[in-house]
N, C-alpha and C. Protein backbone atom coordinates (compact mmCIF):
# COMPACT_ATOMS: atom_id res chain seq x y z
N MET A 1 -10.81 -15.39 23.04
CA MET A 1 -10.10 -14.57 22.06
C MET A 1 -9.58 -13.32 22.76
N THR A 2 -8.36 -12.95 22.39
CA THR A 2 -7.70 -11.80 22.99
C THR A 2 -7.20 -10.88 21.89
N LYS A 3 -7.33 -9.57 22.09
CA LYS A 3 -6.87 -8.60 21.09
C LYS A 3 -5.37 -8.41 21.16
N HIS A 4 -4.74 -8.44 19.99
CA HIS A 4 -3.32 -8.16 19.83
C HIS A 4 -3.15 -7.33 18.56
N LEU A 5 -1.92 -6.98 18.24
CA LEU A 5 -1.64 -6.26 17.00
C LEU A 5 -0.85 -7.17 16.06
N ARG A 6 -1.12 -7.03 14.79
CA ARG A 6 -0.39 -7.77 13.75
C ARG A 6 0.41 -6.74 12.96
N ILE A 7 1.69 -6.99 12.85
CA ILE A 7 2.54 -6.14 12.04
C ILE A 7 2.86 -6.91 10.77
N GLU A 8 2.67 -6.25 9.64
CA GLU A 8 2.96 -6.87 8.35
C GLU A 8 3.88 -5.93 7.59
N LEU A 9 5.01 -6.45 7.23
CA LEU A 9 6.04 -5.66 6.58
C LEU A 9 6.35 -6.28 5.22
N ILE A 10 6.26 -5.48 4.18
CA ILE A 10 6.68 -5.91 2.86
C ILE A 10 7.96 -5.14 2.57
N ILE A 11 9.04 -5.87 2.35
CA ILE A 11 10.34 -5.24 2.24
C ILE A 11 11.24 -6.02 1.30
N GLU A 12 12.28 -5.36 0.83
CA GLU A 12 13.26 -6.03 -0.02
C GLU A 12 13.86 -7.23 0.72
N ARG A 13 14.03 -8.30 -0.02
CA ARG A 13 14.54 -9.54 0.59
C ARG A 13 15.87 -9.32 1.29
N MET A 14 16.73 -8.49 0.73
CA MET A 14 18.04 -8.29 1.33
C MET A 14 17.97 -7.66 2.72
N ALA A 15 16.84 -7.06 3.08
CA ALA A 15 16.71 -6.40 4.39
C ALA A 15 15.92 -7.24 5.39
N HIS A 16 15.47 -8.43 4.99
CA HIS A 16 14.57 -9.16 5.89
C HIS A 16 15.25 -9.63 7.17
N LYS A 17 16.51 -9.98 7.11
CA LYS A 17 17.18 -10.44 8.34
C LYS A 17 17.27 -9.32 9.37
N ARG A 18 17.56 -8.13 8.90
CA ARG A 18 17.61 -6.98 9.81
C ARG A 18 16.23 -6.71 10.41
N ALA A 19 15.19 -6.78 9.58
CA ALA A 19 13.83 -6.57 10.07
C ALA A 19 13.46 -7.62 11.12
N CYS A 20 13.84 -8.86 10.89
CA CYS A 20 13.54 -9.92 11.85
C CYS A 20 14.29 -9.70 13.17
N ARG A 21 15.52 -9.20 13.09
CA ARG A 21 16.26 -8.89 14.31
C ARG A 21 15.58 -7.77 15.11
N VAL A 22 14.99 -6.80 14.41
CA VAL A 22 14.24 -5.73 15.07
C VAL A 22 13.06 -6.32 15.84
N LEU A 23 12.33 -7.23 15.21
CA LEU A 23 11.19 -7.87 15.88
C LEU A 23 11.65 -8.65 17.11
N GLU A 24 12.71 -9.40 16.97
CA GLU A 24 13.23 -10.19 18.09
C GLU A 24 13.69 -9.28 19.23
N ALA A 25 14.37 -8.20 18.91
CA ALA A 25 14.86 -7.28 19.94
C ALA A 25 13.72 -6.62 20.71
N ALA A 26 12.57 -6.46 20.06
CA ALA A 26 11.41 -5.86 20.71
C ALA A 26 10.64 -6.87 21.55
N GLY A 27 11.05 -8.14 21.50
CA GLY A 27 10.39 -9.16 22.30
C GLY A 27 9.26 -9.88 21.60
N MET A 28 9.14 -9.69 20.29
CA MET A 28 8.12 -10.44 19.55
C MET A 28 8.51 -11.91 19.61
N THR A 29 7.54 -12.77 19.86
CA THR A 29 7.84 -14.18 20.10
C THR A 29 7.88 -15.03 18.84
N GLY A 30 7.58 -14.44 17.69
CA GLY A 30 7.65 -15.19 16.45
C GLY A 30 7.28 -14.34 15.26
N TYR A 31 7.61 -14.84 14.10
CA TYR A 31 7.26 -14.18 12.84
C TYR A 31 7.33 -15.22 11.73
N THR A 32 6.74 -14.87 10.60
CA THR A 32 6.78 -15.71 9.42
C THR A 32 7.23 -14.84 8.25
N VAL A 33 8.13 -15.37 7.44
CA VAL A 33 8.63 -14.66 6.26
C VAL A 33 8.15 -15.43 5.03
N LEU A 34 7.47 -14.72 4.13
CA LEU A 34 6.92 -15.33 2.92
C LEU A 34 7.45 -14.59 1.69
N PRO A 35 7.65 -15.30 0.58
CA PRO A 35 8.04 -14.59 -0.64
C PRO A 35 6.86 -13.80 -1.20
N ALA A 36 7.14 -12.61 -1.68
CA ALA A 36 6.13 -11.83 -2.40
C ALA A 36 6.35 -12.09 -3.89
N MET A 37 5.33 -12.48 -4.59
CA MET A 37 5.47 -12.90 -5.97
C MET A 37 5.44 -11.74 -6.96
N ALA A 38 4.60 -10.75 -6.72
CA ALA A 38 4.46 -9.62 -7.64
C ALA A 38 3.70 -8.53 -6.92
N GLY A 39 3.74 -7.33 -7.50
CA GLY A 39 3.01 -6.24 -6.89
C GLY A 39 2.96 -5.02 -7.78
N TYR A 40 2.31 -4.00 -7.24
CA TYR A 40 2.18 -2.74 -7.93
C TYR A 40 2.25 -1.64 -6.88
N GLY A 41 3.08 -0.66 -7.12
CA GLY A 41 3.18 0.48 -6.22
C GLY A 41 4.07 1.54 -6.82
N ASN A 42 3.83 2.78 -6.40
CA ASN A 42 4.61 3.90 -6.90
C ASN A 42 4.54 3.96 -8.43
N SER A 43 3.36 3.63 -8.95
CA SER A 43 3.08 3.65 -10.39
C SER A 43 3.90 2.65 -11.20
N LYS A 44 4.39 1.59 -10.54
CA LYS A 44 5.19 0.58 -11.23
C LYS A 44 4.73 -0.82 -10.84
N ARG A 45 4.76 -1.72 -11.82
CA ARG A 45 4.52 -3.13 -11.56
C ARG A 45 5.86 -3.81 -11.38
N TRP A 46 5.89 -4.83 -10.53
CA TRP A 46 7.11 -5.62 -10.38
C TRP A 46 6.71 -7.08 -10.25
N SER A 47 7.63 -7.94 -10.63
CA SER A 47 7.37 -9.37 -10.55
C SER A 47 8.67 -10.10 -10.31
N ARG A 48 8.61 -11.12 -9.53
CA ARG A 48 9.76 -11.98 -9.30
C ARG A 48 10.25 -12.59 -10.61
N ASP A 49 9.34 -12.82 -11.53
CA ASP A 49 9.68 -13.45 -12.81
C ASP A 49 10.48 -12.55 -13.74
N THR A 50 10.40 -11.23 -13.56
CA THR A 50 11.05 -10.32 -14.51
C THR A 50 12.39 -9.79 -14.03
N ASP A 51 12.77 -10.03 -12.78
CA ASP A 51 14.05 -9.54 -12.26
C ASP A 51 15.03 -10.70 -12.21
N LEU A 52 15.89 -10.78 -13.20
CA LEU A 52 16.81 -11.91 -13.31
C LEU A 52 17.84 -11.97 -12.18
N SER A 53 18.17 -10.83 -11.59
CA SER A 53 19.21 -10.81 -10.56
C SER A 53 18.67 -11.13 -9.17
N ALA A 54 17.37 -11.11 -8.98
CA ALA A 54 16.72 -11.29 -7.67
C ALA A 54 16.98 -10.12 -6.74
N SER A 55 17.60 -9.05 -7.24
CA SER A 55 17.89 -7.90 -6.39
C SER A 55 16.62 -7.18 -5.98
N GLY A 56 15.57 -7.31 -6.79
CA GLY A 56 14.32 -6.63 -6.47
C GLY A 56 13.31 -7.51 -5.76
N ASP A 57 13.70 -8.72 -5.38
CA ASP A 57 12.77 -9.62 -4.68
C ASP A 57 12.27 -8.99 -3.40
N MET A 58 11.01 -9.20 -3.13
CA MET A 58 10.38 -8.68 -1.93
C MET A 58 9.89 -9.87 -1.09
N VAL A 59 9.79 -9.64 0.22
CA VAL A 59 9.24 -10.64 1.12
C VAL A 59 8.19 -9.96 2.00
N VAL A 60 7.33 -10.79 2.58
CA VAL A 60 6.33 -10.32 3.53
C VAL A 60 6.68 -10.94 4.88
N ILE A 61 6.79 -10.10 5.89
CA ILE A 61 7.07 -10.57 7.25
C ILE A 61 5.84 -10.28 8.09
N ILE A 62 5.31 -11.30 8.74
CA ILE A 62 4.12 -11.18 9.56
C ILE A 62 4.46 -11.58 10.98
N SER A 63 4.03 -10.76 11.94
CA SER A 63 4.23 -11.08 13.35
C SER A 63 3.05 -10.54 14.16
N VAL A 64 2.73 -11.20 15.24
CA VAL A 64 1.62 -10.79 16.11
C VAL A 64 2.16 -10.65 17.52
N GLY A 65 1.78 -9.58 18.20
CA GLY A 65 2.21 -9.37 19.58
C GLY A 65 1.33 -8.36 20.29
N ASP A 66 1.65 -8.13 21.54
CA ASP A 66 0.87 -7.13 22.26
C ASP A 66 1.28 -5.73 21.79
N GLU A 67 0.45 -4.76 22.13
CA GLU A 67 0.66 -3.41 21.61
C GLU A 67 2.03 -2.85 21.99
N GLU A 68 2.46 -3.07 23.21
CA GLU A 68 3.75 -2.54 23.65
C GLU A 68 4.90 -3.05 22.80
N LYS A 69 4.90 -4.34 22.52
CA LYS A 69 5.98 -4.93 21.71
C LYS A 69 5.94 -4.44 20.27
N VAL A 70 4.75 -4.38 19.69
CA VAL A 70 4.63 -3.93 18.30
C VAL A 70 5.05 -2.47 18.19
N ARG A 71 4.58 -1.64 19.10
CA ARG A 71 4.95 -0.22 19.07
C ARG A 71 6.45 -0.03 19.26
N ALA A 72 7.08 -0.92 20.01
CA ALA A 72 8.53 -0.83 20.24
C ALA A 72 9.32 -1.05 18.96
N THR A 73 8.74 -1.66 17.97
CA THR A 73 9.44 -1.91 16.70
C THR A 73 9.37 -0.73 15.75
N MET A 74 8.44 0.18 15.95
CA MET A 74 8.13 1.19 14.94
C MET A 74 9.29 2.11 14.58
N THR A 75 10.07 2.58 15.54
CA THR A 75 11.18 3.48 15.22
C THR A 75 12.22 2.78 14.36
N GLU A 76 12.61 1.57 14.77
CA GLU A 76 13.62 0.84 14.00
C GLU A 76 13.11 0.42 12.63
N ILE A 77 11.85 0.00 12.56
CA ILE A 77 11.28 -0.37 11.27
C ILE A 77 11.22 0.87 10.37
N SER A 78 10.87 2.01 10.94
CA SER A 78 10.84 3.25 10.16
C SER A 78 12.23 3.58 9.63
N ASN A 79 13.25 3.42 10.44
CA ASN A 79 14.62 3.65 10.00
C ASN A 79 14.99 2.70 8.87
N LEU A 80 14.59 1.45 9.00
CA LEU A 80 14.88 0.44 7.98
C LEU A 80 14.20 0.80 6.66
N LEU A 81 12.96 1.27 6.73
CA LEU A 81 12.24 1.63 5.52
C LEU A 81 12.82 2.88 4.87
N GLY A 82 13.56 3.67 5.64
CA GLY A 82 14.21 4.83 5.06
C GLY A 82 15.31 4.45 4.10
N ALA A 83 15.87 3.25 4.28
CA ALA A 83 16.98 2.80 3.45
C ALA A 83 16.58 1.73 2.43
N HIS A 84 15.35 1.24 2.51
CA HIS A 84 14.91 0.15 1.63
C HIS A 84 13.49 0.41 1.13
N ILE A 85 13.15 -0.23 0.03
CA ILE A 85 11.79 -0.19 -0.47
C ILE A 85 10.92 -1.03 0.46
N GLY A 86 9.74 -0.54 0.81
CA GLY A 86 8.84 -1.34 1.62
C GLY A 86 7.74 -0.54 2.25
N ILE A 87 6.79 -1.27 2.83
CA ILE A 87 5.69 -0.66 3.58
C ILE A 87 5.45 -1.50 4.83
N VAL A 88 4.81 -0.89 5.81
CA VAL A 88 4.43 -1.60 7.02
C VAL A 88 2.99 -1.25 7.36
N THR A 89 2.24 -2.25 7.79
CA THR A 89 0.89 -2.01 8.29
C THR A 89 0.77 -2.67 9.66
N VAL A 90 -0.06 -2.06 10.49
CA VAL A 90 -0.35 -2.62 11.81
C VAL A 90 -1.87 -2.66 11.94
N THR A 91 -2.39 -3.84 12.26
CA THR A 91 -3.83 -4.00 12.41
C THR A 91 -4.14 -4.72 13.71
N GLU A 92 -5.33 -4.48 14.21
CA GLU A 92 -5.78 -5.18 15.41
C GLU A 92 -6.35 -6.53 14.99
N VAL A 93 -5.95 -7.58 15.72
CA VAL A 93 -6.43 -8.93 15.45
C VAL A 93 -6.85 -9.58 16.77
N GLU A 94 -7.58 -10.65 16.66
CA GLU A 94 -7.92 -11.46 17.84
C GLU A 94 -7.23 -12.79 17.70
N VAL A 95 -6.61 -13.25 18.80
CA VAL A 95 -5.89 -14.52 18.77
C VAL A 95 -6.55 -15.51 19.70
N LEU A 96 -6.43 -16.77 19.34
CA LEU A 96 -7.06 -17.83 20.11
C LEU A 96 -6.21 -18.24 21.31
N ARG A 97 -4.88 -18.25 21.16
CA ARG A 97 -4.00 -18.70 22.24
C ARG A 97 -3.07 -17.55 22.66
N PRO A 98 -3.58 -16.64 23.49
CA PRO A 98 -2.82 -15.43 23.83
C PRO A 98 -1.51 -15.70 24.55
N GLY A 99 -1.35 -16.83 25.19
CA GLY A 99 -0.11 -17.15 25.89
C GLY A 99 1.08 -17.31 24.98
N ARG A 100 0.85 -17.45 23.69
CA ARG A 100 1.95 -17.61 22.73
C ARG A 100 2.50 -16.28 22.26
N PHE A 101 1.87 -15.18 22.64
CA PHE A 101 2.27 -13.87 22.16
C PHE A 101 2.75 -13.02 23.31
C-alpha cells in the first residue's frame, strides 16, 4: 500500500468538463464523475428531482494522485469554484496499485 491524495470535487454539472481538463492538465491519470442526487448546504436543500431544468444538477468528481499532481490542481480548481457552486476536499488515502497513479 502506498500513500496518495484523493481529490473530491462536488460541482455544478455544467462545469465538470472544465474541472476534468484541470485534472488532466495537472497530470492526474484518471478520474470518475458521478451524479449527485441531493444535498444540503448554505442553509438550503437541493434535489435532482425538484429542478426541472437540470441547471442545478451537481456531480462528484473523484481522482487519486501523488501530492505534487493534486496540489498542482488547487489554483485552477479554486478559480473554478469562484465562478460555480461547489466544494473540494483532499484526503490522504492508501492505494493498492501505486503504478496506476
